[in-house]
């Protein structure tokens, strides 16, 4: 016949070899982790079912109590860390809301013109370059303007386009596509266009972090912002 200790084990979803019980609680079947309550239940059952002529060794009892204390401390620490993470997430979202209505410089190839016409932006270079060019295209892919920036050092280099084509005509209202190329003696240099875009909304991304929504670009994380205008 199963002892009350066997029954306790069974109720936690653990059956000792050779034990049987008609009162087994199946609600914990499939459970793989033990929480603080389970630990205390097992320790109490062990004390209740110990052999009075061969009680649990004091050293073992102290070790088990130490494990219980450690488990309790870890549980409380996890709860505290979770609360801190939620607080930081809330603060980050509040900080991100401050971007709404502002313009940010970020990686992207679609740019909308300023009220006065033209666009400003930058080129991010992965290495020093001897020849850097910015090409502005319309929605059909037609080249409107080519801006030669010449030799530039690694990093970000700004450019400004006044909104006129190579022939001197007004380019229109856009949006425009920005493409960049760069070369040095070793060949092509990795170059990324950076454009200014207004922040329309802020939302929580799939990763639980705030994301900025930019027209023509989509959602970006806060760490993708190079500069705020």
Protein backbone atom coordinates (compact mmCIF):
# COMPACT_ATOMS: atom_id res chain seq x y z
CA UNK A 1 0.00 0.00 0.00
CA UNK A 2 1.25 3.44 -0.83
CA UNK A 3 2.32 5.65 2.05
CA UNK A 4 1.21 9.27 2.40
CA UNK A 5 4.68 10.20 1.12
CA UNK A 6 4.01 8.22 -2.07
CA UNK A 7 0.67 9.96 -2.38
CA UNK A 8 2.35 13.35 -1.98
CA UNK A 9 4.80 12.47 -4.73
CA UNK A 10 1.97 11.24 -6.95
CA UNK A 11 -0.01 14.43 -6.41
CA UNK A 12 3.01 16.36 -7.65
CA UNK A 13 3.09 14.21 -10.78
CA UNK A 14 5.93 11.95 -9.58
CA UNK A 15 5.37 8.20 -8.95
CA UNK A 16 7.98 6.30 -6.99
CA UNK A 17 8.84 2.96 -8.61
CA UNK A 18 6.53 0.22 -7.43
CA UNK A 19 4.08 2.55 -5.69
CA UNK A 20 0.36 2.59 -6.41
CA UNK A 21 -2.37 4.89 -5.23
CA UNK A 22 -6.05 5.12 -6.03
CA UNK A 23 -6.16 8.74 -4.88
CA UNK A 24 -3.56 10.10 -7.26
CA UNK A 25 -4.21 13.69 -8.32
CA UNK A 26 -3.61 13.84 -12.10
CA UNK A 27 -3.77 17.65 -12.33
CA UNK A 28 0.03 17.89 -12.18
CA UNK A 29 0.80 15.21 -14.79
CA UNK A 30 3.32 16.49 -17.31
CA UNK A 31 4.66 19.07 -14.90
CA UNK A 32 8.42 19.47 -15.29
CA UNK A 33 9.23 22.20 -12.78
CA UNK A 34 8.75 22.39 -9.01
CA UNK A 35 7.86 25.66 -7.37
CA UNK A 36 8.31 26.85 -3.81
CA UNK A 37 4.99 25.32 -2.68
CA UNK A 38 5.93 21.91 -4.12
CA UNK A 39 9.29 22.00 -2.32
CA UNK A 40 7.64 22.78 1.01
CA UNK A 41 5.02 20.04 0.48
CA UNK A 42 7.68 17.42 -0.18
CA UNK A 43 9.79 18.44 2.80
CA UNK A 44 6.76 18.35 5.10
CA UNK A 45 5.76 14.88 3.80
CA UNK A 46 9.31 13.67 4.36
CA UNK A 47 9.22 14.81 8.00
CA UNK A 48 5.81 13.24 8.58
CA UNK A 49 6.87 9.88 7.14
CA UNK A 50 10.39 9.59 8.53
CA UNK A 51 11.38 6.58 10.62
CA UNK A 52 11.31 7.72 14.28
CA UNK A 53 14.21 5.30 14.97
CA UNK A 54 16.21 6.76 12.07
CA UNK A 55 15.18 10.42 11.66
CA UNK A 56 16.50 12.73 8.98
CA UNK A 57 20.08 13.74 9.68
CA UNK A 58 20.40 17.30 11.03
CA UNK A 59 22.98 18.14 8.39
CA UNK A 60 20.58 17.03 5.63
CA UNK A 61 17.78 19.03 7.20
CA UNK A 62 19.91 22.19 7.31
CA UNK A 63 20.91 21.64 3.68
CA UNK A 64 17.26 21.28 2.65
CA UNK A 65 16.29 24.40 4.56
CA UNK A 66 19.13 26.25 2.85
CA UNK A 67 17.79 25.10 -0.53
CA UNK A 68 14.32 26.29 0.47
CA UNK A 69 15.68 29.69 1.50
CA UNK A 70 17.67 29.96 -1.73
CA UNK A 71 14.59 29.07 -3.80
CA UNK A 72 12.52 31.65 -1.97
CA UNK A 73 15.18 34.31 -2.54
CA UNK A 74 15.46 33.51 -6.24
CA UNK A 75 11.66 33.66 -6.61
CA UNK A 76 11.52 37.07 -4.95
CA UNK A 77 14.46 38.32 -7.05
CA UNK A 78 12.75 37.17 -10.26
CA UNK A 79 9.58 39.01 -9.27
CA UNK A 80 11.60 42.16 -8.55
CA UNK A 81 13.48 41.96 -11.84
CA UNK A 82 10.22 41.44 -13.74
CA UNK A 83 8.72 44.52 -12.09
CA UNK A 84 11.85 46.53 -12.95
CA UNK A 85 11.71 45.37 -16.58
CA UNK A 86 8.05 46.41 -16.84
CA UNK A 87 8.89 49.80 -15.33
CA UNK A 88 11.79 50.33 -17.75
CA UNK A 89 9.59 49.29 -20.68
CA UNK A 90 6.97 51.81 -19.63
CA UNK A 91 9.63 54.53 -19.32
CA UNK A 92 11.05 53.68 -22.75
CA UNK A 93 7.60 54.00 -24.32
CA UNK A 94 7.13 57.35 -22.62
CA UNK A 95 10.50 58.51 -23.94
CA UNK A 96 9.61 57.31 -27.44
CA UNK A 97 6.38 59.34 -27.43
CA UNK A 98 8.57 62.44 -27.34
CA UNK A 99 9.66 61.66 -30.91
CA UNK A 100 6.15 62.14 -32.35
CA UNK A 101 6.04 65.25 -34.54
CA UNK A 102 9.83 65.40 -34.85
CA UNK A 103 12.01 64.30 -37.76
CA UNK A 104 14.74 61.71 -37.39
CA UNK A 105 17.70 60.69 -39.52
CA UNK A 106 17.74 56.96 -40.17
CA UNK A 107 18.70 54.39 -42.77
CA UNK A 108 16.25 54.47 -45.67
CA UNK A 109 15.91 55.11 -49.37
CA UNK A 110 12.52 56.89 -49.55
CA UNK A 111 12.47 60.61 -48.76
CA UNK A 112 9.77 63.27 -48.79
CA UNK A 113 10.70 66.85 -49.71
CA UNK A 114 10.83 69.73 -47.26
CA UNK A 115 8.27 72.52 -47.41
CA UNK A 116 10.84 74.66 -49.20
CA UNK A 117 11.65 71.82 -51.62
CA UNK A 118 14.50 69.34 -51.89
CA UNK A 119 15.77 66.93 -49.28
CA UNK A 120 18.67 66.61 -46.87
CA UNK A 121 20.29 63.38 -45.84
CA UNK A 122 23.58 61.60 -45.35
CA UNK A 123 25.65 58.66 -46.51
CA UNK A 124 27.05 56.15 -44.03
CA UNK A 125 30.40 54.80 -45.26
CA UNK A 126 31.90 51.57 -43.93
CA UNK A 127 35.39 52.66 -45.08
CA UNK A 128 37.25 55.63 -46.53
CA UNK A 129 36.16 56.34 -50.09
CA UNK A 130 37.74 58.27 -52.95
CA UNK A 131 34.48 58.72 -54.86
CA UNK A 132 31.00 59.04 -53.32
CA UNK A 133 27.84 59.78 -55.33
CA UNK A 134 24.20 60.31 -54.38
CA UNK A 135 21.50 59.71 -56.98
CA UNK A 136 17.96 61.10 -56.59
CA UNK A 137 15.23 59.30 -58.55
CA UNK A 138 11.49 59.83 -58.99
CA UNK A 139 8.81 57.22 -58.35
CA UNK A 140 9.34 55.68 -61.80
CA UNK A 141 13.06 55.19 -61.23
CA UNK A 142 14.10 58.08 -63.48
CA UNK A 143 17.26 59.86 -62.34
CA UNK A 144 16.56 63.46 -61.41
CA UNK A 145 19.85 64.53 -59.87
CA UNK A 146 23.33 63.15 -59.26
CA UNK A 147 25.32 64.71 -56.44
CA UNK A 148 29.08 64.08 -56.40
CA UNK A 149 30.50 64.21 -52.86
CA UNK A 150 34.06 63.31 -53.92
CA UNK A 151 36.46 61.71 -51.45
CA UNK A 152 35.10 61.13 -47.96
CA UNK A 153 36.31 59.49 -44.76
CA UNK A 154 34.63 56.53 -43.08
CA UNK A 155 31.49 57.47 -41.18
CA UNK A 156 28.51 59.68 -42.06
CA UNK A 157 28.75 62.50 -44.58
CA UNK A 158 25.82 64.88 -45.12
CA UNK A 159 24.33 66.02 -48.42
CA UNK A 160 21.65 68.55 -49.36
CA UNK A 161 19.57 68.66 -52.53
CA UNK A 162 17.70 71.85 -53.49
CA UNK A 163 14.93 70.04 -55.34
CA UNK A 164 15.99 70.81 -58.91
CA UNK A 165 16.94 68.27 -61.56
CA UNK A 166 20.22 68.09 -63.48
CA UNK A 167 18.54 70.25 -66.14
CA UNK A 168 17.50 72.87 -63.57
CA UNK A 169 13.77 72.06 -63.51
CA UNK A 170 11.73 71.59 -60.33
CA UNK A 171 11.65 67.91 -59.41
CA UNK A 172 8.11 67.93 -57.98
CA UNK A 173 6.59 66.80 -54.70
CA UNK A 174 8.09 63.32 -54.47
CA UNK A 175 8.48 61.04 -52.71
CA UNK A 176 11.99 60.46 -54.02
CA UNK A 177 14.29 57.46 -53.98
CA UNK A 178 17.84 57.99 -52.73
CA UNK A 179 20.64 55.71 -53.92
CA UNK A 180 24.32 55.97 -53.00
CA UNK A 181 27.54 54.50 -54.37
CA UNK A 182 31.10 54.68 -53.08
CA UNK A 183 34.46 53.36 -54.23
CA UNK A 184 38.11 53.36 -53.25
CA UNK A 185 41.28 51.78 -54.62
CA UNK A 186 40.14 48.34 -53.42
CA UNK A 187 36.73 48.51 -55.13
CA UNK A 188 33.21 49.24 -53.91
CA UNK A 189 32.71 50.59 -50.39
CA UNK A 190 29.59 49.68 -48.44
CA UNK A 191 27.44 52.80 -48.40
CA UNK A 192 24.02 53.24 -46.77
CA UNK A 193 21.66 56.14 -47.51
CA UNK A 194 20.34 58.02 -44.48
CA UNK A 195 17.20 60.14 -44.88
CA UNK A 196 15.20 62.50 -42.71
CA UNK A 197 11.64 61.41 -42.00
CA UNK A 198 8.88 62.62 -39.64
CA UNK A 199 7.74 60.36 -36.81
CA UNK A 200 4.01 59.79 -37.24
CA UNK A 201 3.26 57.28 -34.46
CA UNK A 202 4.89 55.20 -31.73
CA UNK A 203 3.93 51.62 -30.94
CA UNK A 204 5.29 48.58 -29.13
CA UNK A 205 7.23 46.30 -31.47
CA UNK A 206 7.09 42.50 -31.57
CA UNK A 207 10.18 42.42 -29.31
CA UNK A 208 8.38 44.41 -26.60
CA UNK A 209 10.36 47.57 -27.32
CA UNK A 210 8.93 50.86 -28.62
CA UNK A 211 9.10 51.40 -32.39
CA UNK A 212 8.78 54.63 -34.40
CA UNK A 213 6.65 54.66 -37.56
CA UNK A 214 8.05 56.75 -40.41
CA UNK A 215 6.24 57.39 -43.72
CA UNK A 216 7.91 55.60 -46.62
CA UNK A 217 10.19 53.65 -44.29
CA UNK A 218 7.98 51.83 -41.83
CA UNK A 219 8.82 50.96 -38.23
CA UNK A 220 12.29 51.44 -36.77
CA UNK A 221 13.70 50.91 -33.28
CA UNK A 222 15.02 53.79 -31.20
CA UNK A 223 18.61 52.61 -31.66
CA UNK A 224 18.20 53.03 -35.45
CA UNK A 225 17.93 56.81 -35.03
CA UNK A 226 21.12 58.63 -36.04
CA UNK A 227 19.95 62.14 -35.27
CA UNK A 228 16.82 64.02 -34.19
CA UNK A 229 15.81 67.22 -35.94
